[in-house]
Amino acid sequence: MKIRDIEKLVKILENSIVSEIEIVDFWGRKTKIKKTGDGPVAVKAVEPSAHEQKVKSEQEDETAGQKFASIRSPIVGTFYRSPSPDAPSYVEVGDIIKPGQVVCIVEAMKLMNEIESDLAGKVVQILVKNEDPVEYNQELMLIEPL
């Protein structure tokens, strides 16, 4: 987080009834800004907890040594696993996919962009939760090529 962003948040906090703000970035790092009574505002950067690091490490161990391809987001937007809330997901873990098959949607500026697989394979892991924001080039799924 940039210092000027923190300064803006501190000013907002000083002028509001809110006493604490916690921001979690993409990598799991937390920045906590806390107002204590009439005193100064404290800013604390917090690394991911030991549990969060252990879970991530376990997920990496599961895929270590295996050669997986990934399907990445071509745009910034919101990830959707199905075409509508009541429709089934395009793919599930364990599904066999083929090139050109739609595997998810990334919505950007009210446009639903169908994301297609460019390879044949088995879906090993879906890395993003439904309706989560995604960044450009972020991995969405891991695929075991066939």
N, C-alpha and C. Protein backbone atom coordinates (compact mmCIF):
# COMPACT_ATOMS: atom_id res chain seq x y z
N MET A 1 0.85 -1.17 0.00
CA MET A 1 0.00 0.00 0.00
C MET A 1 0.90 1.24 0.00
N LYS A 2 0.58 2.21 -0.79
CA LYS A 2 1.38 3.42 -0.90
C LYS A 2 1.12 4.35 0.28
N ILE A 3 2.14 5.10 0.64
CA ILE A 3 2.07 5.97 1.81
C ILE A 3 0.98 7.03 1.65
N ARG A 4 0.80 7.57 0.46
CA ARG A 4 -0.23 8.60 0.29
C ARG A 4 -1.64 8.02 0.44
N ASP A 5 -1.80 6.73 0.07
CA ASP A 5 -3.08 6.06 0.29
C ASP A 5 -3.35 5.90 1.78
N ILE A 6 -2.31 5.55 2.52
CA ILE A 6 -2.45 5.41 3.97
C ILE A 6 -2.77 6.76 4.60
N GLU A 7 -2.10 7.81 4.13
CA GLU A 7 -2.37 9.16 4.66
C GLU A 7 -3.83 9.56 4.43
N LYS A 8 -4.36 9.24 3.26
CA LYS A 8 -5.76 9.56 2.96
C LYS A 8 -6.69 8.79 3.90
N LEU A 9 -6.39 7.52 4.10
CA LEU A 9 -7.22 6.71 5.00
C LEU A 9 -7.16 7.22 6.43
N VAL A 10 -5.97 7.66 6.88
CA VAL A 10 -5.83 8.20 8.23
C VAL A 10 -6.70 9.44 8.38
N LYS A 11 -6.70 10.33 7.40
CA LYS A 11 -7.53 11.54 7.45
C LYS A 11 -9.01 11.19 7.50
N ILE A 12 -9.41 10.22 6.69
CA ILE A 12 -10.80 9.79 6.70
C ILE A 12 -11.18 9.24 8.07
N LEU A 13 -10.29 8.43 8.64
CA LEU A 13 -10.55 7.83 9.94
C LEU A 13 -10.63 8.88 11.04
N GLU A 14 -9.74 9.88 10.99
CA GLU A 14 -9.73 10.94 12.00
C GLU A 14 -11.03 11.73 12.00
N ASN A 15 -11.67 11.87 10.84
CA ASN A 15 -12.87 12.68 10.72
C ASN A 15 -14.16 11.86 10.74
N SER A 16 -14.07 10.59 11.14
CA SER A 16 -15.26 9.76 11.16
C SER A 16 -15.47 9.12 12.52
N ILE A 17 -16.63 8.50 12.68
CA ILE A 17 -16.91 7.81 13.94
C ILE A 17 -16.34 6.40 13.94
N VAL A 18 -15.87 5.94 12.79
CA VAL A 18 -15.25 4.62 12.69
C VAL A 18 -13.93 4.65 13.44
N SER A 19 -13.63 3.58 14.17
CA SER A 19 -12.39 3.58 14.95
C SER A 19 -11.30 2.71 14.36
N GLU A 20 -11.63 1.90 13.35
CA GLU A 20 -10.63 0.98 12.82
C GLU A 20 -10.94 0.63 11.37
N ILE A 21 -9.89 0.52 10.55
CA ILE A 21 -10.02 0.08 9.16
C ILE A 21 -8.97 -1.01 8.95
N GLU A 22 -9.37 -2.10 8.32
CA GLU A 22 -8.43 -3.16 7.98
C GLU A 22 -8.56 -3.47 6.50
N ILE A 23 -7.44 -3.45 5.80
CA ILE A 23 -7.43 -3.67 4.35
C ILE A 23 -6.56 -4.89 4.08
N VAL A 24 -7.07 -5.83 3.27
CA VAL A 24 -6.33 -7.01 2.89
C VAL A 24 -6.04 -6.92 1.40
N ASP A 25 -4.76 -6.99 1.02
CA ASP A 25 -4.42 -6.89 -0.40
C ASP A 25 -4.49 -8.26 -1.06
N PHE A 26 -4.21 -8.30 -2.33
CA PHE A 26 -4.30 -9.50 -3.15
C PHE A 26 -3.45 -10.64 -2.61
N TRP A 27 -2.30 -10.33 -2.00
CA TRP A 27 -1.38 -11.34 -1.51
C TRP A 27 -1.64 -11.73 -0.07
N GLY A 28 -2.70 -11.22 0.53
CA GLY A 28 -3.05 -11.58 1.89
C GLY A 28 -2.43 -10.71 2.96
N ARG A 29 -1.66 -9.71 2.56
CA ARG A 29 -1.07 -8.80 3.55
C ARG A 29 -2.15 -7.85 4.04
N LYS A 30 -2.14 -7.61 5.34
CA LYS A 30 -3.16 -6.75 5.94
C LYS A 30 -2.53 -5.45 6.42
N THR A 31 -3.26 -4.37 6.24
CA THR A 31 -2.90 -3.08 6.81
C THR A 31 -4.05 -2.67 7.71
N LYS A 32 -3.72 -2.45 8.98
CA LYS A 32 -4.74 -2.09 9.96
C LYS A 32 -4.47 -0.67 10.43
N ILE A 33 -5.50 0.19 10.35
CA ILE A 33 -5.40 1.57 10.81
C ILE A 33 -6.41 1.72 11.92
N LYS A 34 -5.92 2.11 13.11
CA LYS A 34 -6.78 2.12 14.28
C LYS A 34 -6.65 3.44 15.03
N LYS A 35 -7.80 3.98 15.43
CA LYS A 35 -7.87 5.21 16.20
C LYS A 35 -8.15 4.82 17.64
N THR A 36 -7.34 5.34 18.57
CA THR A 36 -7.53 5.01 19.98
C THR A 36 -7.87 6.28 20.75
N GLY A 37 -9.13 6.42 21.12
CA GLY A 37 -9.58 7.59 21.88
C GLY A 37 -9.27 8.88 21.14
N ASP A 38 -8.69 9.85 21.86
CA ASP A 38 -8.32 11.13 21.26
C ASP A 38 -6.88 11.14 20.80
N GLY A 39 -6.18 10.03 20.98
CA GLY A 39 -4.76 9.96 20.64
C GLY A 39 -4.54 9.82 19.15
N PRO A 40 -3.30 9.59 18.78
CA PRO A 40 -2.95 9.47 17.37
C PRO A 40 -3.50 8.19 16.76
N VAL A 41 -3.52 8.17 15.45
CA VAL A 41 -3.96 7.00 14.71
C VAL A 41 -2.75 6.10 14.51
N ALA A 42 -2.92 4.79 14.77
CA ALA A 42 -1.84 3.83 14.61
C ALA A 42 -2.04 3.05 13.31
N VAL A 43 -0.94 2.85 12.58
CA VAL A 43 -0.98 2.07 11.35
C VAL A 43 -0.08 0.86 11.56
N LYS A 44 -0.61 -0.32 11.24
CA LYS A 44 0.14 -1.55 11.45
C LYS A 44 -0.01 -2.43 10.22
N ALA A 45 1.11 -2.87 9.68
CA ALA A 45 1.08 -3.82 8.57
C ALA A 45 1.19 -5.22 9.15
N VAL A 46 0.31 -6.10 8.69
CA VAL A 46 0.27 -7.46 9.23
C VAL A 46 0.47 -8.44 8.09
N GLU A 47 1.44 -9.34 8.23
CA GLU A 47 1.66 -10.38 7.23
C GLU A 47 0.58 -11.46 7.41
N PRO A 48 0.37 -12.30 6.41
CA PRO A 48 -0.62 -13.36 6.56
C PRO A 48 -0.31 -14.21 7.79
N SER A 49 -1.35 -14.71 8.45
CA SER A 49 -1.16 -15.51 9.66
C SER A 49 -0.48 -16.82 9.33
N ALA A 50 0.03 -17.47 10.37
CA ALA A 50 0.69 -18.76 10.19
C ALA A 50 -0.27 -19.77 9.58
N HIS A 51 -1.55 -19.72 10.01
CA HIS A 51 -2.55 -20.64 9.45
C HIS A 51 -2.75 -20.39 7.95
N GLU A 52 -2.88 -19.12 7.57
CA GLU A 52 -3.07 -18.78 6.16
C GLU A 52 -1.87 -19.23 5.33
N GLN A 53 -0.66 -19.05 5.88
CA GLN A 53 0.54 -19.48 5.17
C GLN A 53 0.60 -20.99 5.06
N LYS A 54 0.17 -21.70 6.12
CA LYS A 54 0.18 -23.16 6.11
C LYS A 54 -0.79 -23.70 5.07
N VAL A 55 -1.99 -23.12 4.99
CA VAL A 55 -2.99 -23.55 4.01
C VAL A 55 -2.45 -23.35 2.60
N LYS A 56 -1.85 -22.17 2.35
CA LYS A 56 -1.28 -21.91 1.02
C LYS A 56 -0.16 -22.89 0.71
N SER A 57 0.68 -23.17 1.71
CA SER A 57 1.78 -24.11 1.53
C SER A 57 1.26 -25.50 1.21
N GLU A 58 0.18 -25.94 1.90
CA GLU A 58 -0.40 -27.25 1.64
C GLU A 58 -0.96 -27.33 0.23
N GLN A 59 -1.60 -26.24 -0.23
CA GLN A 59 -2.14 -26.23 -1.58
C GLN A 59 -1.00 -26.32 -2.60
N GLU A 60 0.11 -25.64 -2.33
CA GLU A 60 1.25 -25.69 -3.24
C GLU A 60 1.87 -27.08 -3.23
N ASP A 61 1.92 -27.74 -2.05
CA ASP A 61 2.48 -29.09 -1.95
C ASP A 61 1.67 -30.08 -2.77
N GLU A 62 0.34 -29.91 -2.80
CA GLU A 62 -0.52 -30.81 -3.55
C GLU A 62 -0.19 -30.80 -5.04
N THR A 63 0.22 -29.64 -5.53
CA THR A 63 0.48 -29.51 -6.96
C THR A 63 1.97 -29.53 -7.29
N ALA A 64 2.83 -29.66 -6.27
CA ALA A 64 4.28 -29.65 -6.50
C ALA A 64 4.67 -30.87 -7.32
N GLY A 65 5.59 -30.66 -8.24
CA GLY A 65 6.09 -31.76 -9.05
C GLY A 65 5.17 -32.14 -10.19
N GLN A 66 3.99 -31.61 -10.24
CA GLN A 66 3.08 -31.93 -11.32
C GLN A 66 3.09 -30.79 -12.33
N LYS A 67 2.93 -31.14 -13.57
CA LYS A 67 2.94 -30.14 -14.64
C LYS A 67 1.52 -29.77 -15.00
N PHE A 68 1.08 -28.59 -14.55
CA PHE A 68 -0.26 -28.13 -14.85
C PHE A 68 -0.18 -26.87 -15.71
N ALA A 69 -1.14 -26.76 -16.59
CA ALA A 69 -1.32 -25.53 -17.34
C ALA A 69 -2.37 -24.72 -16.60
N SER A 70 -2.45 -23.45 -16.89
CA SER A 70 -3.47 -22.64 -16.22
C SER A 70 -4.29 -21.88 -17.25
N ILE A 71 -5.51 -21.64 -16.87
CA ILE A 71 -6.38 -20.75 -17.64
C ILE A 71 -6.35 -19.45 -16.88
N ARG A 72 -6.00 -18.36 -17.58
CA ARG A 72 -5.83 -17.06 -16.94
C ARG A 72 -6.89 -16.08 -17.42
N SER A 73 -7.13 -15.07 -16.59
CA SER A 73 -8.10 -14.05 -16.96
C SER A 73 -7.47 -13.09 -17.97
N PRO A 74 -8.13 -12.87 -19.10
CA PRO A 74 -7.58 -11.94 -20.09
C PRO A 74 -7.89 -10.47 -19.76
N ILE A 75 -8.73 -10.25 -18.73
CA ILE A 75 -9.15 -8.90 -18.37
C ILE A 75 -9.37 -8.79 -16.87
N VAL A 76 -9.48 -7.58 -16.39
CA VAL A 76 -9.87 -7.32 -15.00
C VAL A 76 -11.39 -7.37 -14.95
N GLY A 77 -11.94 -8.04 -13.95
CA GLY A 77 -13.40 -8.11 -13.85
C GLY A 77 -13.85 -8.97 -12.70
N THR A 78 -15.05 -9.53 -12.83
CA THR A 78 -15.64 -10.39 -11.81
C THR A 78 -15.81 -11.79 -12.40
N PHE A 79 -15.35 -12.79 -11.65
CA PHE A 79 -15.36 -14.18 -12.08
C PHE A 79 -16.71 -14.83 -11.78
N TYR A 80 -17.26 -15.52 -12.78
CA TYR A 80 -18.49 -16.28 -12.60
C TYR A 80 -18.29 -17.69 -13.14
N ARG A 81 -18.72 -18.69 -12.37
CA ARG A 81 -18.57 -20.08 -12.78
C ARG A 81 -19.70 -20.55 -13.68
N SER A 82 -20.82 -19.81 -13.73
CA SER A 82 -21.97 -20.24 -14.53
C SER A 82 -22.57 -19.04 -15.26
N PRO A 83 -23.39 -19.31 -16.29
CA PRO A 83 -23.96 -18.21 -17.07
C PRO A 83 -25.03 -17.42 -16.32
N SER A 84 -25.64 -18.01 -15.29
CA SER A 84 -26.63 -17.31 -14.46
C SER A 84 -26.63 -17.95 -13.07
N PRO A 85 -27.15 -17.25 -12.08
CA PRO A 85 -27.10 -17.78 -10.71
C PRO A 85 -27.77 -19.15 -10.52
N ASP A 86 -28.81 -19.43 -11.30
CA ASP A 86 -29.51 -20.71 -11.13
C ASP A 86 -29.04 -21.79 -12.10
N ALA A 87 -28.08 -21.48 -12.95
CA ALA A 87 -27.56 -22.45 -13.92
C ALA A 87 -26.38 -23.22 -13.31
N PRO A 88 -26.14 -24.44 -13.80
CA PRO A 88 -24.99 -25.19 -13.30
C PRO A 88 -23.68 -24.55 -13.78
N SER A 89 -22.60 -24.84 -13.06
CA SER A 89 -21.28 -24.32 -13.41
C SER A 89 -20.85 -24.87 -14.77
N TYR A 90 -20.05 -24.08 -15.48
CA TYR A 90 -19.52 -24.53 -16.76
C TYR A 90 -18.67 -25.79 -16.56
N VAL A 91 -17.79 -25.77 -15.55
CA VAL A 91 -16.93 -26.91 -15.27
C VAL A 91 -16.80 -27.11 -13.76
N GLU A 92 -16.48 -28.33 -13.39
CA GLU A 92 -16.21 -28.70 -12.00
C GLU A 92 -14.83 -29.36 -11.97
N VAL A 93 -14.24 -29.43 -10.79
CA VAL A 93 -12.97 -30.13 -10.63
C VAL A 93 -13.20 -31.58 -11.05
N GLY A 94 -12.28 -32.09 -11.88
CA GLY A 94 -12.39 -33.45 -12.39
C GLY A 94 -12.97 -33.54 -13.78
N ASP A 95 -13.60 -32.48 -14.27
CA ASP A 95 -14.17 -32.48 -15.62
C ASP A 95 -13.07 -32.51 -16.67
N ILE A 96 -13.35 -33.18 -17.77
CA ILE A 96 -12.45 -33.17 -18.93
C ILE A 96 -12.96 -32.07 -19.87
N ILE A 97 -12.04 -31.20 -20.27
CA ILE A 97 -12.41 -30.10 -21.16
C ILE A 97 -11.66 -30.22 -22.47
N LYS A 98 -12.18 -29.55 -23.48
CA LYS A 98 -11.55 -29.58 -24.79
C LYS A 98 -11.29 -28.15 -25.26
N PRO A 99 -10.41 -27.95 -26.23
CA PRO A 99 -10.13 -26.60 -26.72
C PRO A 99 -11.40 -25.93 -27.24
N GLY A 100 -11.55 -24.66 -26.89
CA GLY A 100 -12.71 -23.89 -27.32
C GLY A 100 -13.90 -23.99 -26.40
N GLN A 101 -13.83 -24.85 -25.39
CA GLN A 101 -14.95 -25.01 -24.46
C GLN A 101 -14.98 -23.84 -23.47
N VAL A 102 -16.15 -23.27 -23.24
CA VAL A 102 -16.31 -22.19 -22.27
C VAL A 102 -16.17 -22.79 -20.87
N VAL A 103 -15.30 -22.19 -20.05
CA VAL A 103 -15.06 -22.71 -18.71
C VAL A 103 -15.54 -21.76 -17.61
N CYS A 104 -15.74 -20.48 -17.96
CA CYS A 104 -16.22 -19.51 -16.99
C CYS A 104 -16.53 -18.20 -17.71
N ILE A 105 -16.95 -17.20 -16.93
CA ILE A 105 -17.22 -15.86 -17.46
C ILE A 105 -16.45 -14.87 -16.59
N VAL A 106 -15.89 -13.84 -17.23
CA VAL A 106 -15.35 -12.70 -16.50
C VAL A 106 -16.14 -11.48 -16.98
N GLU A 107 -16.87 -10.88 -16.03
CA GLU A 107 -17.70 -9.71 -16.35
C GLU A 107 -16.88 -8.44 -16.14
N ALA A 108 -16.91 -7.60 -17.13
CA ALA A 108 -16.22 -6.31 -17.05
C ALA A 108 -17.11 -5.25 -17.69
N MET A 109 -17.40 -4.20 -16.95
CA MET A 109 -18.20 -3.09 -17.44
C MET A 109 -19.52 -3.58 -18.03
N LYS A 110 -20.20 -4.47 -17.30
CA LYS A 110 -21.51 -5.01 -17.66
C LYS A 110 -21.48 -5.91 -18.90
N LEU A 111 -20.29 -6.28 -19.36
CA LEU A 111 -20.17 -7.20 -20.49
C LEU A 111 -19.71 -8.55 -19.96
N MET A 112 -20.43 -9.61 -20.34
CA MET A 112 -20.09 -10.97 -19.92
C MET A 112 -19.16 -11.58 -20.96
N ASN A 113 -17.89 -11.77 -20.58
CA ASN A 113 -16.88 -12.30 -21.49
C ASN A 113 -16.68 -13.78 -21.20
N GLU A 114 -17.06 -14.64 -22.14
CA GLU A 114 -16.88 -16.07 -21.97
C GLU A 114 -15.40 -16.40 -22.14
N ILE A 115 -14.87 -17.15 -21.18
CA ILE A 115 -13.46 -17.55 -21.22
C ILE A 115 -13.43 -19.00 -21.69
N GLU A 116 -12.70 -19.22 -22.78
CA GLU A 116 -12.61 -20.55 -23.37
C GLU A 116 -11.26 -21.17 -23.08
N SER A 117 -11.25 -22.49 -22.98
CA SER A 117 -10.01 -23.23 -22.81
C SER A 117 -9.27 -23.25 -24.14
N ASP A 118 -7.96 -23.16 -24.09
CA ASP A 118 -7.18 -23.26 -25.32
C ASP A 118 -6.48 -24.62 -25.41
N LEU A 119 -6.80 -25.54 -24.48
CA LEU A 119 -6.19 -26.85 -24.50
C LEU A 119 -7.16 -27.90 -23.99
N ALA A 120 -6.86 -29.16 -24.28
CA ALA A 120 -7.64 -30.27 -23.75
C ALA A 120 -6.99 -30.71 -22.44
N GLY A 121 -7.83 -31.06 -21.48
CA GLY A 121 -7.27 -31.52 -20.22
C GLY A 121 -8.33 -31.76 -19.17
N LYS A 122 -7.84 -32.03 -17.97
CA LYS A 122 -8.71 -32.30 -16.82
C LYS A 122 -8.59 -31.13 -15.85
N VAL A 123 -9.73 -30.61 -15.39
CA VAL A 123 -9.73 -29.51 -14.42
C VAL A 123 -9.25 -30.07 -13.08
N VAL A 124 -8.12 -29.56 -12.60
CA VAL A 124 -7.52 -30.04 -11.36
C VAL A 124 -7.94 -29.17 -10.19
N GLN A 125 -7.98 -27.85 -10.42
CA GLN A 125 -8.32 -26.94 -9.32
C GLN A 125 -8.91 -25.66 -9.90
N ILE A 126 -9.95 -25.16 -9.22
CA ILE A 126 -10.52 -23.85 -9.56
C ILE A 126 -10.01 -22.91 -8.49
N LEU A 127 -9.24 -21.91 -8.89
CA LEU A 127 -8.49 -21.07 -7.96
C LEU A 127 -9.24 -19.85 -7.46
N VAL A 128 -10.39 -19.55 -8.06
CA VAL A 128 -11.13 -18.34 -7.73
C VAL A 128 -12.55 -18.71 -7.31
N LYS A 129 -13.06 -18.06 -6.30
CA LYS A 129 -14.43 -18.29 -5.86
C LYS A 129 -15.39 -17.53 -6.77
N ASN A 130 -16.59 -18.07 -6.90
CA ASN A 130 -17.61 -17.42 -7.72
C ASN A 130 -17.86 -15.99 -7.22
N GLU A 131 -17.95 -15.07 -8.14
CA GLU A 131 -18.21 -13.64 -7.90
C GLU A 131 -17.05 -12.89 -7.27
N ASP A 132 -15.86 -13.50 -7.24
CA ASP A 132 -14.68 -12.79 -6.74
C ASP A 132 -14.12 -11.90 -7.85
N PRO A 133 -13.52 -10.77 -7.48
CA PRO A 133 -12.84 -9.95 -8.49
C PRO A 133 -11.55 -10.64 -8.93
N VAL A 134 -11.21 -10.46 -10.20
CA VAL A 134 -9.97 -11.03 -10.73
C VAL A 134 -9.18 -9.94 -11.44
N GLU A 135 -7.88 -10.14 -11.47
CA GLU A 135 -6.96 -9.21 -12.12
C GLU A 135 -6.59 -9.74 -13.50
N TYR A 136 -6.02 -8.87 -14.31
CA TYR A 136 -5.51 -9.27 -15.62
C TYR A 136 -4.43 -10.34 -15.42
N ASN A 137 -4.49 -11.41 -16.16
CA ASN A 137 -3.52 -12.49 -16.19
C ASN A 137 -3.52 -13.34 -14.91
N GLN A 138 -4.52 -13.18 -14.06
CA GLN A 138 -4.61 -13.99 -12.84
C GLN A 138 -5.02 -15.42 -13.21
N GLU A 139 -4.40 -16.40 -12.58
CA GLU A 139 -4.78 -17.79 -12.81
C GLU A 139 -6.19 -18.03 -12.28
N LEU A 140 -7.02 -18.65 -13.11
CA LEU A 140 -8.39 -18.97 -12.73
C LEU A 140 -8.54 -20.46 -12.40
N MET A 141 -7.89 -21.29 -13.21
CA MET A 141 -8.00 -22.75 -13.07
C MET A 141 -6.68 -23.40 -13.43
N LEU A 142 -6.44 -24.55 -12.79
CA LEU A 142 -5.31 -25.38 -13.17
C LEU A 142 -5.83 -26.57 -13.96
N ILE A 143 -5.15 -26.87 -15.07
CA ILE A 143 -5.57 -27.92 -15.98
C ILE A 143 -4.42 -28.91 -16.15
N GLU A 144 -4.74 -30.19 -16.03
CA GLU A 144 -3.76 -31.24 -16.32
C GLU A 144 -3.92 -31.59 -17.81
N PRO A 145 -2.94 -31.21 -18.62
CA PRO A 145 -3.08 -31.46 -20.07
C PRO A 145 -3.20 -32.95 -20.39
N LEU A 146 -4.02 -33.26 -21.39
CA LEU A 146 -4.19 -34.66 -21.83
C LEU A 146 -3.56 -34.85 -23.18
